[in-house]
Protein backbone atom coordinates (compact mmCIF):
# COMPACT_ATOMS: atom_id res chain seq x y z
CA MET A 1 109.55 81.35 48.51
CA LYS A 2 112.63 82.47 50.38
CA ARG A 3 111.45 86.09 50.31
CA LEU A 4 108.04 85.04 51.60
CA GLY A 5 109.71 83.17 54.46
CA VAL A 6 111.80 86.20 55.42
CA LEU A 7 108.72 88.44 55.21
CA ALA A 8 106.76 86.08 57.46
CA VAL A 9 109.54 86.13 60.06
CA LEU A 10 109.67 89.94 59.97
CA ILE A 11 105.89 90.23 60.38
CA PHE A 12 105.92 87.76 63.29
CA SER A 13 108.80 89.65 64.94
CA VAL A 14 106.98 92.98 64.68
CA LEU A 15 103.77 91.53 66.09
CA PHE A 16 105.64 89.79 68.92
CA VAL A 17 107.46 92.97 69.93
CA THR A 18 104.31 95.10 69.60
CA VAL A 19 102.10 92.79 71.68
CA ASN A 20 104.59 92.37 74.50
CA ALA A 21 105.60 96.04 74.53
CA VAL A 22 102.10 96.84 75.81
CA TYR A 23 102.93 95.08 79.05
CA ALA A 24 106.60 96.07 79.34
CA LEU A 25 107.52 98.61 82.01
CA PRO A 26 110.82 100.52 82.37
CA ALA A 27 113.39 98.39 84.16
CA GLY A 28 114.75 101.33 86.18
CA VAL A 29 117.09 100.19 88.94
CA ASP A 30 117.34 96.57 89.96
CA ASN A 31 114.26 95.33 91.83
CA ASP A 32 112.13 98.37 91.05
CA ASN A 33 108.61 97.30 91.93
CA TYR A 34 105.54 97.72 89.73
CA LEU A 35 101.95 96.58 90.13
CA GLY A 36 99.39 96.26 87.37
CA LEU A 37 95.63 95.80 87.59
CA TYR A 38 93.58 95.02 84.48
CA LEU A 39 89.82 94.40 84.20
CA GLU A 40 88.15 93.29 80.99
CA THR A 41 84.53 92.38 80.29
CA GLY A 42 83.26 89.89 77.75
CA ASP A 43 81.68 92.70 75.71
CA GLY A 44 84.79 94.82 75.30
CA PHE A 45 84.98 97.22 78.26
CA SER A 46 88.29 97.44 80.11
CA ALA A 47 90.28 99.37 82.70
CA TYR A 48 94.04 99.38 83.32
CA VAL A 49 95.87 100.75 86.39
CA VAL A 50 99.64 100.73 87.00
CA SER A 51 101.28 101.69 90.31
CA ASN A 52 104.73 101.71 91.92
CA THR A 53 103.38 102.29 95.45
CA GLY A 54 102.24 98.70 95.98
CA VAL A 55 98.52 99.55 95.74
CA ALA A 56 96.36 99.70 92.59
CA THR A 57 92.60 100.34 92.70
CA PHE A 58 89.78 100.60 90.18
CA ASN A 59 86.33 101.86 91.18
CA GLY A 60 83.72 102.27 88.44
CA ALA A 61 81.30 100.70 85.96
CA LEU A 62 82.30 98.58 82.98
CA GLY A 63 79.33 97.95 80.72
CA ASP A 64 76.87 95.57 82.37
CA TRP A 65 79.22 95.28 85.35
CA ILE A 66 77.68 98.27 87.06
CA ILE A 67 79.77 98.13 90.25
CA ASN A 68 83.46 97.22 90.42
CA VAL A 69 85.59 98.01 93.45
CA THR A 70 88.86 96.15 92.90
CA THR A 71 92.16 96.56 94.75
CA ALA A 72 95.51 94.82 94.32
CA ILE A 73 98.21 95.13 96.99
CA THR A 74 101.86 94.03 97.01
CA TYR A 75 105.33 95.30 98.02
CA PRO A 76 106.15 97.87 99.38
CA ALA A 77 102.70 97.96 101.02
CA LEU A 78 102.64 94.19 101.65
CA GLY A 79 105.40 91.59 101.75
CA SER A 80 108.95 92.31 100.60
CA THR A 81 111.22 91.82 97.59
CA SER A 82 112.44 88.52 99.07
CA GLU A 83 109.01 87.39 100.31
CA PRO A 84 106.44 88.08 97.55
CA VAL A 85 102.83 88.61 98.61
CA ILE A 86 100.05 89.67 96.24
CA ASP A 87 96.53 90.30 97.50
CA LEU A 88 93.52 90.81 95.20
CA ASN A 89 90.25 92.00 96.73
CA THR A 90 87.16 92.77 94.69
CA VAL A 91 83.40 93.38 94.73
CA ASN A 92 81.60 93.15 91.35
CA VAL A 93 77.90 93.51 90.54
CA THR A 94 76.07 92.99 87.24
CA SER A 95 72.78 94.26 85.86
CA ASP A 96 70.11 91.85 84.56
CA ALA A 97 72.23 91.15 81.47
CA GLY A 98 74.99 89.46 83.47
CA GLY A 99 78.28 88.81 81.70
CA ILE A 100 81.91 87.78 81.97
CA LEU A 101 84.59 89.71 83.85
CA ASN A 102 88.30 88.90 83.70
CA ILE A 103 90.54 90.39 86.39
CA TRP A 104 94.34 90.30 86.22
CA THR A 105 96.86 91.64 88.70
CA SER A 106 100.59 91.36 88.08
CA ALA A 107 103.53 92.31 90.30
CA SER A 108 107.20 92.63 89.40
CA GLY A 109 110.48 93.64 91.01
CA PHE A 110 110.94 90.71 93.37
CA LEU A 111 114.30 89.03 93.90
CA ALA A 112 114.71 86.06 91.58
CA LEU A 113 114.45 82.75 93.41
CA THR A 114 117.80 80.98 93.63
CA SER A 115 116.10 77.67 94.37
CA PRO A 116 112.56 76.24 94.16
CA GLU A 117 110.32 77.58 96.94
CA SER A 118 106.85 76.72 98.24
CA PHE A 119 103.88 78.99 97.55
CA ALA A 120 100.37 79.35 98.97
CA PHE A 121 97.34 80.60 97.03
CA ASP A 122 94.27 81.15 99.21
CA VAL A 123 90.89 82.43 98.02
CA GLY A 124 87.56 82.94 99.78
CA GLY A 125 84.34 84.76 98.97
CA THR A 126 80.77 84.64 97.72
CA THR A 127 79.30 84.55 94.21
CA SER A 128 76.01 84.62 92.34
CA GLY A 129 77.61 82.79 89.42
CA THR A 130 80.91 80.96 88.92
CA VAL A 131 84.52 81.96 89.55
CA GLN A 132 87.91 80.62 88.53
CA PHE A 133 91.43 81.48 89.71
CA ILE A 134 94.91 80.93 88.22
CA ALA A 135 98.36 81.96 89.47
CA TYR A 136 101.31 82.38 87.07
CA TRP A 137 105.06 83.01 87.36
CA ASP A 138 107.65 84.39 84.94
CA TYR A 139 111.37 85.10 84.80
CA PHE A 140 111.54 88.49 83.00
CA PRO A 141 112.36 91.24 85.58
CA ASN A 142 109.95 94.20 85.64
CA TYR A 143 107.55 92.82 83.05
CA LEU A 144 103.87 92.70 83.89
CA PHE A 145 101.42 90.07 82.62
CA TRP A 146 104.10 87.86 81.06
CA LEU A 147 102.52 84.47 81.68
CA ALA A 148 105.45 82.05 81.50
CA GLN A 149 103.87 79.13 83.37
CA PRO A 150 100.74 78.51 85.48
CA LEU A 151 101.38 77.55 89.10
CA ALA A 152 97.87 76.80 90.35
CA ASN A 153 94.39 76.55 88.88
CA SER A 154 91.18 76.47 90.91
CA GLY A 155 87.68 76.29 89.47
CA PRO A 156 85.26 76.88 88.01
CA ILE A 157 83.61 77.26 91.42
CA GLY A 158 79.83 77.60 91.54
CA THR A 159 79.09 77.29 95.26
CA SER A 160 78.65 80.18 97.66
CA PRO A 161 80.25 80.92 100.02
CA PHE A 162 83.46 79.32 98.75
CA ALA A 163 87.03 78.85 99.96
CA THR A 164 90.01 77.20 98.32
CA SER A 165 93.64 76.82 99.34
CA LEU A 166 96.31 75.70 96.88
CA THR A 167 99.98 74.98 97.51
CA GLY A 168 102.90 74.01 95.32
CA VAL A 169 106.44 74.92 94.31
CA VAL A 170 107.69 77.95 92.39
CA PRO A 171 110.69 77.10 90.15
CA ALA A 172 114.10 78.72 90.63
CA GLY A 173 114.46 81.90 88.59
CA ALA A 174 110.91 83.15 89.15
CA VAL A 175 110.83 86.91 89.62
CA ASP A 176 107.34 88.18 88.69
CA TYR A 177 103.85 86.84 89.44
CA THR A 178 100.35 87.27 87.99
CA LEU A 179 96.95 86.36 89.43
CA TYR A 180 93.93 85.83 87.20
CA ALA A 181 90.27 85.63 88.17
CA GLN A 182 87.26 85.10 85.93
CA ILE A 183 83.71 85.82 87.09
CA ILE A 184 80.62 84.73 85.14
CA HIS A 185 77.10 85.92 85.99
CA GLU A 186 74.06 84.62 84.09
CA GLY A 187 72.03 87.66 85.19
CA ALA A 188 71.89 90.25 87.94
CA GLY A 189 74.09 89.34 90.87
CA GLY A 190 77.22 90.00 92.84
CA THR A 191 80.58 88.39 93.51
CA SER A 192 83.12 89.34 96.14
CA PHE A 193 86.34 87.62 97.12
CA ASP A 194 89.80 88.02 98.55
CA ALA A 195 92.70 86.12 96.95
CA GLU A 196 96.24 86.05 98.36
CA PHE A 197 99.34 84.56 96.79
CA SER A 198 102.53 84.31 98.84
CA VAL A 199 106.03 82.83 98.60
CA PRO A 200 107.58 82.72 102.11
CA GLU A 201 111.32 83.33 102.13
CA PRO A 202 113.51 80.29 103.00
CA ALA A 203 114.27 81.55 106.52
CA THR A 204 110.55 81.66 107.29
CA MET A 205 110.09 78.11 106.01
CA LEU A 206 113.05 76.91 108.08
CA LEU A 207 111.60 78.43 111.23
CA LEU A 208 108.23 76.85 110.47
CA GLY A 209 109.91 73.48 109.93
CA ALA A 210 111.87 73.80 113.16
CA GLY A 211 108.66 74.62 115.03
CA LEU A 212 106.88 71.58 113.61
CA ILE A 213 109.82 69.34 114.52
CA GLY A 214 109.78 70.77 118.07
CA LEU A 215 106.06 70.08 118.41
CA ALA A 216 106.57 66.53 117.14
CA GLY A 217 109.35 65.97 119.70
CA LEU A 218 107.20 67.35 122.50
CA GLY A 219 104.35 65.01 121.59
CA ARG A 220 106.73 62.05 121.47
CA ARG A 221 108.07 62.77 124.98
CA LYS A 222 104.54 62.99 126.37
CA PHE A 223 103.71 59.67 124.70
CA PHE A 224 106.65 57.86 126.32
CA LYS A 225 105.92 59.35 129.74
CA LYS A 226 102.61 57.52 129.68
């Protein structure tokens, strides 16, 4: 029994390392930035793009998803290492068969948060079916698609056009982020949307807070003048 237990641990360890190694990227120097884009259909077609320029694009057919023009953008093209911004823009069209399409984009190389910070996750678009969106964070530098914890979940959404805006707090220690979108079409149709996830740096939030306080004070003075 003891040998079987040891064997089970070894098998689990090998599988764990193998599965996660698929998504591991070289650490390089501190705060090296990588961007991953992964599309997968419900019937087994997939595409994977990795970039260190801040822009990753896929343009092509995946089974019954006959048109897919999908672009992910992050630092250094958008945002900064201290102010993460990830934008996912896509247009996807199915044939009469319809189907399921999962889209993931993951960005790494940001500075780890030293304290909890607010985030915003905004999505808008049109769909012939239903869509769902989830944002994740993790604390392993330069790892893509390591889904430590979900931050926000919106959907399924079946109205068109649609718009959703989610806010919350990212825990201290967060360093990488992943956005997930699922599209379901019952038949021929199209879906297009733009999703943006951002974590403003503390200085930006302080300036915003100071501005709101100033506006509140101005309104109070006008009130008393009356």
